Structure formats: structure tokens, C-alpha cells
Amino acid sequence: MEGNESRDEELSRLISDEYAGKILSATYRHPMSVQQISRGCAIPIAVAYRRVAKLEEYGLVKCVGYEEVYRGKKVNYYQCAVNMAKVIFAGGKFDVEVDFLPESEMEHIGPNEAEGENA
């Protein structure tokens, strides 16, 4: 149980982080690459990569596809996976409730498996 409490505390810090908030807002309806997030949200590129990785670790953003850009180099696209998040502090403890977007509402980018099978 203690591990779950510390996870909720870390998740509450992440949700309330200014950069994480900008990333979640920017990617809510349209997937973006980390480079696009960095430029569009005025977040230093290294910070953008770290925050996106942390948000992905907690399931708050999802990689919804990729695009090959140059000689096999791939650029991943991320989308906010959260419909609603609520942080509650009661009795000296944090509780975080997250309502995730259904997979059907996520926009996917790049080749899908069906196209690969037909090729």
C-alpha cells in the first residue's frame, strides 16, 4: 500500500507540473512529436523528452505512431491519453483518479499492421 501512496504522490506532482500540463493540453486532440511539443509549447527539447517519457511511463500520454523521416529514422508521435484527472489530498494522503481516453478516441499515425500484411 505504501508503494501505491508514493506512486500517487509522484503522479500528483507530475500532473501539476507546468511543462507536463502544457504537453497534455497540446496533445489532447492531435498527436505531436517531441520536437513539435518543444517548439509549440516553448519547452527546452531535453526537458520535453524527459517529461514525455515520464508521462508515458504513467500512461498519461501514448505513442500513437511514427513517421519515417530520413534514411529509416523514425519520429514518434504522442497523444494525451487522459480525459480527466483528479488529485485529492485528504487525511494527509494523496489520491489520484485518472479517467483515460478510450483507445477508439486516439488518433493513430503511420503504417498499421493491416497495411503491412497487404504489402
C-alpha atoms as a PDB file:
ATOM      1  CA  MET A   1       0.000   0.000   0.000  1.00  0.00           C
ATOM      2  CA  GLU A   2       2.855   2.389   0.791  1.00  0.00           C
ATOM      3  CA  GLY A   3       4.208   1.936  -2.735  1.00  0.00           C
ATOM      4  CA  ASN A   4       0.823   2.964  -4.117  1.00  0.00           C
ATOM      5  CA  GLU A   5       0.826   6.093  -1.917  1.00  0.00           C
ATOM      6  CA  SER A   6       4.253   7.179  -3.176  1.00  0.00           C
ATOM      7  CA  ARG A   7       3.117   6.489  -6.762  1.00  0.00           C
ATOM      8  CA  ASP A   8       0.076   8.733  -6.188  1.00  0.00           C
ATOM      9  CA  GLU A   9       2.315  11.452  -4.738  1.00  0.00           C
ATOM     10  CA  GLU A  10       4.650  11.292  -7.736  1.00  0.00           C
ATOM     11  CA  LEU A  11       1.690  11.222 -10.128  1.00  0.00           C
ATOM     12  CA  SER A  12       0.160  14.273  -8.411  1.00  0.00           C
ATOM     13  CA  ARG A  13       3.460  16.167  -8.778  1.00  0.00           C
ATOM     14  CA  LEU A  14       3.653  15.173 -12.436  1.00  0.00           C
ATOM     15  CA  ILE A  15       0.078  16.230 -13.203  1.00  0.00           C
ATOM     16  CA  SER A  16       0.610  19.606 -11.530  1.00  0.00           C
ATOM     17  CA  ASP A  17       3.942  20.217 -13.313  1.00  0.00           C
ATOM     18  CA  GLU A  18       3.773  23.237 -15.649  1.00  0.00           C
ATOM     19  CA  TYR A  19       5.552  21.520 -18.539  1.00  0.00           C
ATOM     20  CA  ALA A  20       3.529  18.310 -18.187  1.00  0.00           C
ATOM     21  CA  GLY A  21       0.342  20.388 -18.239  1.00  0.00           C
ATOM     22  CA  LYS A  22       1.433  22.109 -21.439  1.00  0.00           C
ATOM     23  CA  ILE A  23       2.244  18.756 -23.056  1.00  0.00           C
ATOM     24  CA  LEU A  24      -1.083  17.194 -22.069  1.00  0.00           C
ATOM     25  CA  SER A  25      -3.004  20.227 -23.335  1.00  0.00           C
ATOM     26  CA  ALA A  26      -1.093  20.433 -26.618  1.00  0.00           C
ATOM     27  CA  THR A  27      -1.526  16.743 -27.420  1.00  0.00           C
ATOM     28  CA  TYR A  28      -5.116  16.347 -26.221  1.00  0.00           C
ATOM     29  CA  ARG A  29      -6.708  16.058 -29.660  1.00  0.00           C
ATOM     30  CA  HIS A  30      -3.762  15.946 -32.055  1.00  0.00           C
ATOM     31  CA  PRO A  31      -0.634  13.821 -31.727  1.00  0.00           C
ATOM     32  CA  MET A  32       2.678  15.646 -31.815  1.00  0.00           C
ATOM     33  CA  SER A  33       6.339  14.703 -31.982  1.00  0.00           C
ATOM     34  CA  VAL A  34       8.590  15.745 -29.108  1.00  0.00           C
ATOM     35  CA  GLN A  35      10.184  18.315 -31.431  1.00  0.00           C
ATOM     36  CA  GLN A  36       6.758  19.823 -32.194  1.00  0.00           C
ATOM     37  CA  ILE A  37       5.896  19.830 -28.491  1.00  0.00           C
ATOM     38  CA  SER A  38       9.169  21.570 -27.665  1.00  0.00           C
ATOM     39  CA  ARG A  39       8.657  24.304 -30.259  1.00  0.00           C
ATOM     40  CA  GLY A  40       4.910  24.728 -29.787  1.00  0.00           C
ATOM     41  CA  CYS A  41       4.997  24.828 -26.000  1.00  0.00           C
ATOM     42  CA  ALA A  42       8.304  26.694 -25.592  1.00  0.00           C
ATOM     43  CA  ILE A  43       9.810  23.805 -23.610  1.00  0.00           C
ATOM     44  CA  PRO A  44      13.540  23.071 -23.890  1.00  0.00           C
ATOM     45  CA  ILE A  45      13.996  19.938 -26.016  1.00  0.00           C
ATOM     46  CA  ALA A  46      15.768  17.903 -23.302  1.00  0.00           C
ATOM     47  CA  VAL A  47      13.017  18.748 -20.792  1.00  0.00           C
ATOM     48  CA  ALA A  48      10.346  17.848 -23.369  1.00  0.00           C
ATOM     49  CA  TYR A  49      11.919  14.415 -23.941  1.00  0.00           C
ATOM     50  CA  ARG A  50      12.130  13.756 -20.172  1.00  0.00           C
ATOM     51  CA  ARG A  51       8.557  14.865 -19.464  1.00  0.00           C
ATOM     52  CA  VAL A  52       7.105  12.895 -22.373  1.00  0.00           C
ATOM     53  CA  ALA A  53       8.986   9.789 -21.147  1.00  0.00           C
ATOM     54  CA  LYS A  54       7.670  10.282 -17.608  1.00  0.00           C
ATOM     55  CA  LEU A  55       4.115  10.947 -18.839  1.00  0.00           C
ATOM     56  CA  GLU A  56       4.309   7.804 -20.975  1.00  0.00           C
ATOM     57  CA  GLU A  57       5.604   5.785 -18.003  1.00  0.00           C
ATOM     58  CA  TYR A  58       2.451   6.721 -16.072  1.00  0.00           C
ATOM     59  CA  GLY A  59       0.168   6.152 -19.074  1.00  0.00           C
ATOM     60  CA  LEU A  60      -0.798   9.817 -19.350  1.00  0.00           C
ATOM     61  CA  VAL A  61       0.409  10.040 -22.957  1.00  0.00           C
ATOM     62  CA  LYS A  62       0.678   7.255 -25.500  1.00  0.00           C
ATOM     63  CA  CYS A  63       2.848   6.810 -28.525  1.00  0.00           C
ATOM     64  CA  VAL A  64       0.218   6.560 -31.263  1.00  0.00           C
ATOM     65  CA  GLY A  65       2.505   6.012 -34.202  1.00  0.00           C
ATOM     66  CA  TYR A  66       5.578   7.076 -36.035  1.00  0.00           C
ATOM     67  CA  GLU A  67       6.737   8.502 -39.303  1.00  0.00           C
ATOM     68  CA  GLU A  68       9.918   7.642 -41.149  1.00  0.00           C
ATOM     69  CA  VAL A  69      11.651  10.933 -41.881  1.00  0.00           C
ATOM     70  CA  TYR A  70      15.149  10.263 -43.164  1.00  0.00           C
ATOM     71  CA  ARG A  71      17.049   7.083 -44.018  1.00  0.00           C
ATOM     72  CA  GLY A  72      14.961   4.919 -41.734  1.00  0.00           C
ATOM     73  CA  LYS A  73      14.985   7.403 -38.851  1.00  0.00           C
ATOM     74  CA  LYS A  74      11.615   7.370 -37.119  1.00  0.00           C
ATOM     75  CA  VAL A  75       9.861  10.174 -35.296  1.00  0.00           C
ATOM     76  CA  ASN A  76       7.318   9.065 -32.681  1.00  0.00           C
ATOM     77  CA  TYR A  77       4.038  10.900 -32.167  1.00  0.00           C
ATOM     78  CA  TYR A  78       2.415  11.184 -28.753  1.00  0.00           C
ATOM     79  CA  GLN A  79      -1.146  11.932 -27.712  1.00  0.00           C
ATOM     80  CA  CYS A  80      -2.678  12.755 -24.353  1.00  0.00           C
ATOM     81  CA  ALA A  81      -4.411   9.632 -23.032  1.00  0.00           C
ATOM     82  CA  VAL A  82      -6.270  11.403 -20.225  1.00  0.00           C
ATOM     83  CA  ASN A  83      -9.861  12.516 -20.335  1.00  0.00           C
ATOM     84  CA  MET A  84      -9.930  13.687 -16.707  1.00  0.00           C
ATOM     85  CA  ALA A  85      -7.501  13.674 -13.778  1.00  0.00           C
ATOM     86  CA  LYS A  86      -8.333  14.496 -10.192  1.00  0.00           C
ATOM     87  CA  VAL A  87      -5.839  14.910  -7.345  1.00  0.00           C
ATOM     88  CA  ILE A  88      -7.269  14.665  -3.844  1.00  0.00           C
ATOM     89  CA  PHE A  89      -5.358  15.343  -0.641  1.00  0.00           C
ATOM     90  CA  ALA A  90      -7.249  14.081   2.399  1.00  0.00           C
ATOM     91  CA  GLY A  91      -6.148  12.740   5.738  1.00  0.00           C
ATOM     92  CA  GLY A  92      -2.521  13.516   4.955  1.00  0.00           C
ATOM     93  CA  LYS A  93      -2.516  11.322   1.854  1.00  0.00           C
ATOM     94  CA  PHE A  94      -2.725  11.895  -1.884  1.00  0.00           C
ATOM     95  CA  ASP A  95      -5.214  10.049  -4.028  1.00  0.00           C
ATOM     96  CA  VAL A  96      -5.143  10.420  -7.795  1.00  0.00           C
ATOM     97  CA  GLU A  97      -8.041   9.434 -10.022  1.00  0.00           C
ATOM     98  CA  VAL A  98      -7.449   9.277 -13.753  1.00  0.00           C
ATOM     99  CA  ASP A  99     -10.106   8.699 -16.393  1.00  0.00           C
ATOM    100  CA  PHE A 100      -8.313   7.553 -19.536  1.00  0.00           C
ATOM    101  CA  LEU A 101      -9.484   8.167 -23.086  1.00  0.00           C
ATOM    102  CA  PRO A 102     -10.766   5.039 -24.829  1.00  0.00           C
ATOM    103  CA  GLU A 103      -8.364   3.655 -27.421  1.00  0.00           C
ATOM    104  CA  SER A 104     -11.027   4.290 -30.076  1.00  0.00           C
ATOM    105  CA  GLU A 105     -10.676   8.055 -29.476  1.00  0.00           C
ATOM    106  CA  MET A 106      -6.922   8.047 -30.005  1.00  0.00           C
ATOM    107  CA  GLU A 107      -5.629   9.211 -33.384  1.00  0.00           C
ATOM    108  CA  HIS A 108      -3.086   6.827 -34.895  1.00  0.00           C
ATOM    109  CA  ILE A 109      -0.273   7.877 -37.227  1.00  0.00           C
ATOM    110  CA  GLY A 110       1.846   5.902 -39.656  1.00  0.00           C
ATOM    111  CA  PRO A 111       1.566   2.440 -41.111  1.00  0.00           C
ATOM    112  CA  ASN A 112      -0.718  -0.015 -39.389  1.00  0.00           C
ATOM    113  CA  GLU A 113      -0.497  -3.803 -39.239  1.00  0.00           C
ATOM    114  CA  ALA A 114      -3.210  -4.348 -41.865  1.00  0.00           C
ATOM    115  CA  GLU A 115      -1.273  -2.312 -44.427  1.00  0.00           C
ATOM    116  CA  GLY A 116       1.887  -4.275 -43.618  1.00  0.00           C
ATOM    117  CA  GLU A 117       0.100  -7.575 -44.225  1.00  0.00           C
ATOM    118  CA  ASN A 118      -1.159  -6.455 -47.656  1.00  0.00           C
ATOM    119  CA  ALA A 119       2.228  -5.216 -48.849  1.00  0.00           C
END
